[in-house]
Amino acid sequence: MSDDIPLAPFPHESLDPASEPKSPIAEVSDAVKGTANRVAGAIEAGRKPGMPLSVLSNIAREAPLSSLLVAFLLGVAIARRR
């Protein structure tokens, strides 16, 4: 009876088929997609009412020229440091 059924050297090898290895391009693609999803989620969370992105967009909508001036001055200040 034991001669009828060949046994695998390890029981787990007979249960699951061997998975095909992923190509490096597929791995990089999956990593980029995962990162993009996390960034999109963070942006959506920041756009909820009362969150920083929501506040900034409201300020820019109400006073676009003032916002542009502040952004310009911040850029100049950062550029002078370097």
C-alpha atoms as a PDB file:
ATOM      1  CA  MET A   1       0.000   0.000   0.000  1.00  0.00           C
ATOM      2  CA  SER A   2       2.821   2.428   0.708  1.00  0.00           C
ATOM      3  CA  ASP A   3       4.273   1.708  -2.748  1.00  0.00           C
ATOM      4  CA  ASP A   4       1.126   2.950  -4.545  1.00  0.00           C
ATOM      5  CA  ILE A   5       1.299   6.625  -3.522  1.00  0.00           C
ATOM      6  CA  PRO A   6       4.569   8.488  -4.041  1.00  0.00           C
ATOM      7  CA  LEU A   7       5.197  10.928  -1.207  1.00  0.00           C
ATOM      8  CA  ALA A   8       6.766  14.329  -1.684  1.00  0.00           C
ATOM      9  CA  PRO A   9       9.908  14.949   0.364  1.00  0.00           C
ATOM     10  CA  PHE A  10       8.109  17.791   2.168  1.00  0.00           C
ATOM     11  CA  PRO A  11       4.342  17.784   2.696  1.00  0.00           C
ATOM     12  CA  HIS A  12       3.926  21.498   1.877  1.00  0.00           C
ATOM     13  CA  GLU A  13       5.420  21.006  -1.594  1.00  0.00           C
ATOM     14  CA  SER A  14       2.559  18.787  -2.695  1.00  0.00           C
ATOM     15  CA  LEU A  15      -0.178  21.180  -1.497  1.00  0.00           C
ATOM     16  CA  ASP A  16       0.608  24.393  -3.357  1.00  0.00           C
ATOM     17  CA  PRO A  17       1.829  24.787  -6.908  1.00  0.00           C
ATOM     18  CA  ALA A  18       5.151  26.542  -7.340  1.00  0.00           C
ATOM     19  CA  SER A  19       4.734  30.269  -7.775  1.00  0.00           C
ATOM     20  CA  GLU A  20       6.306  31.868 -10.788  1.00  0.00           C
ATOM     21  CA  PRO A  21       9.022  34.408  -9.999  1.00  0.00           C
ATOM     22  CA  LYS A  22       8.137  38.009 -10.772  1.00  0.00           C
ATOM     23  CA  SER A  23      10.165  39.976 -13.234  1.00  0.00           C
ATOM     24  CA  PRO A  24      12.041  42.991 -11.877  1.00  0.00           C
ATOM     25  CA  ILE A  25       9.847  45.287 -13.957  1.00  0.00           C
ATOM     26  CA  ALA A  26       6.698  43.833 -12.396  1.00  0.00           C
ATOM     27  CA  GLU A  27       8.140  44.254  -8.898  1.00  0.00           C
ATOM     28  CA  VAL A  28       9.054  47.892  -9.567  1.00  0.00           C
ATOM     29  CA  SER A  29       5.640  48.496 -11.109  1.00  0.00           C
ATOM     30  CA  ASP A  30       3.905  47.075  -8.031  1.00  0.00           C
ATOM     31  CA  ALA A  31       6.065  49.219  -5.746  1.00  0.00           C
ATOM     32  CA  VAL A  32       5.271  52.376  -7.733  1.00  0.00           C
ATOM     33  CA  LYS A  33       1.538  51.594  -7.704  1.00  0.00           C
ATOM     34  CA  GLY A  34       1.603  51.020  -3.950  1.00  0.00           C
ATOM     35  CA  THR A  35       3.460  54.279  -3.355  1.00  0.00           C
ATOM     36  CA  ALA A  36       1.071  56.206  -5.597  1.00  0.00           C
ATOM     37  CA  ASN A  37      -1.901  54.783  -3.706  1.00  0.00           C
ATOM     38  CA  ARG A  38      -0.393  55.778  -0.337  1.00  0.00           C
ATOM     39  CA  VAL A  39       0.361  59.312  -1.562  1.00  0.00           C
ATOM     40  CA  ALA A  40      -3.146  59.670  -3.013  1.00  0.00           C
ATOM     41  CA  GLY A  41      -4.606  58.501   0.286  1.00  0.00           C
ATOM     42  CA  ALA A  42      -2.543  61.029   2.225  1.00  0.00           C
ATOM     43  CA  ILE A  43      -3.627  63.844  -0.097  1.00  0.00           C
ATOM     44  CA  GLU A  44      -7.283  62.871   0.211  1.00  0.00           C
ATOM     45  CA  ALA A  45      -6.949  62.762   4.005  1.00  0.00           C
ATOM     46  CA  GLY A  46      -5.352  66.229   3.961  1.00  0.00           C
ATOM     47  CA  ARG A  47      -8.207  67.661   1.885  1.00  0.00           C
ATOM     48  CA  LYS A  48     -10.884  66.873   4.460  1.00  0.00           C
ATOM     49  CA  PRO A  49     -12.462  69.967   6.039  1.00  0.00           C
ATOM     50  CA  GLY A  50     -10.242  71.502   8.689  1.00  0.00           C
ATOM     51  CA  MET A  51      -7.093  69.733   7.504  1.00  0.00           C
ATOM     52  CA  PRO A  52      -4.041  71.697   6.259  1.00  0.00           C
ATOM     53  CA  LEU A  53      -4.583  71.189   2.517  1.00  0.00           C
ATOM     54  CA  SER A  54      -8.191  72.267   2.834  1.00  0.00           C
ATOM     55  CA  VAL A  55      -7.188  75.419   4.706  1.00  0.00           C
ATOM     56  CA  LEU A  56      -4.477  76.269   2.150  1.00  0.00           C
ATOM     57  CA  SER A  57      -6.807  75.779  -0.795  1.00  0.00           C
ATOM     58  CA  ASN A  58      -9.447  77.990   0.848  1.00  0.00           C
ATOM     59  CA  ILE A  59      -6.881  80.747   1.455  1.00  0.00           C
ATOM     60  CA  ALA A  60      -5.631  80.528  -2.133  1.00  0.00           C
ATOM     61  CA  ARG A  61      -9.206  80.708  -3.428  1.00  0.00           C
ATOM     62  CA  GLU A  62     -10.058  83.772  -1.341  1.00  0.00           C
ATOM     63  CA  ALA A  63      -6.835  85.753  -1.914  1.00  0.00           C
ATOM     64  CA  PRO A  64      -4.882  84.396  -4.899  1.00  0.00           C
ATOM     65  CA  LEU A  65      -2.509  87.366  -5.256  1.00  0.00           C
ATOM     66  CA  SER A  66      -1.617  87.375  -1.585  1.00  0.00           C
ATOM     67  CA  SER A  67      -0.980  83.644  -1.721  1.00  0.00           C
ATOM     68  CA  LEU A  68       1.234  84.085  -4.758  1.00  0.00           C
ATOM     69  CA  LEU A  69       3.228  86.799  -2.960  1.00  0.00           C
ATOM     70  CA  VAL A  70       3.720  84.601   0.112  1.00  0.00           C
ATOM     71  CA  ALA A  71       4.819  81.666  -2.044  1.00  0.00           C
ATOM     72  CA  PHE A  72       7.278  83.896  -3.914  1.00  0.00           C
ATOM     73  CA  LEU A  73       8.767  85.278  -0.696  1.00  0.00           C
ATOM     74  CA  LEU A  74       9.138  81.779   0.746  1.00  0.00           C
ATOM     75  CA  GLY A  75      10.891  80.691  -2.439  1.00  0.00           C
ATOM     76  CA  VAL A  76      13.290  83.623  -2.246  1.00  0.00           C
ATOM     77  CA  ALA A  77      14.024  82.930   1.417  1.00  0.00           C
ATOM     78  CA  ILE A  78      14.757  79.259   0.730  1.00  0.00           C
ATOM     79  CA  ALA A  79      16.878  80.056  -2.330  1.00  0.00           C
ATOM     80  CA  ARG A  80      19.060  82.520  -0.378  1.00  0.00           C
ATOM     81  CA  ARG A  81      19.860  79.892   2.257  1.00  0.00           C
ATOM     82  CA  ARG A  82      21.425  77.622  -0.305  1.00  0.00           C
END
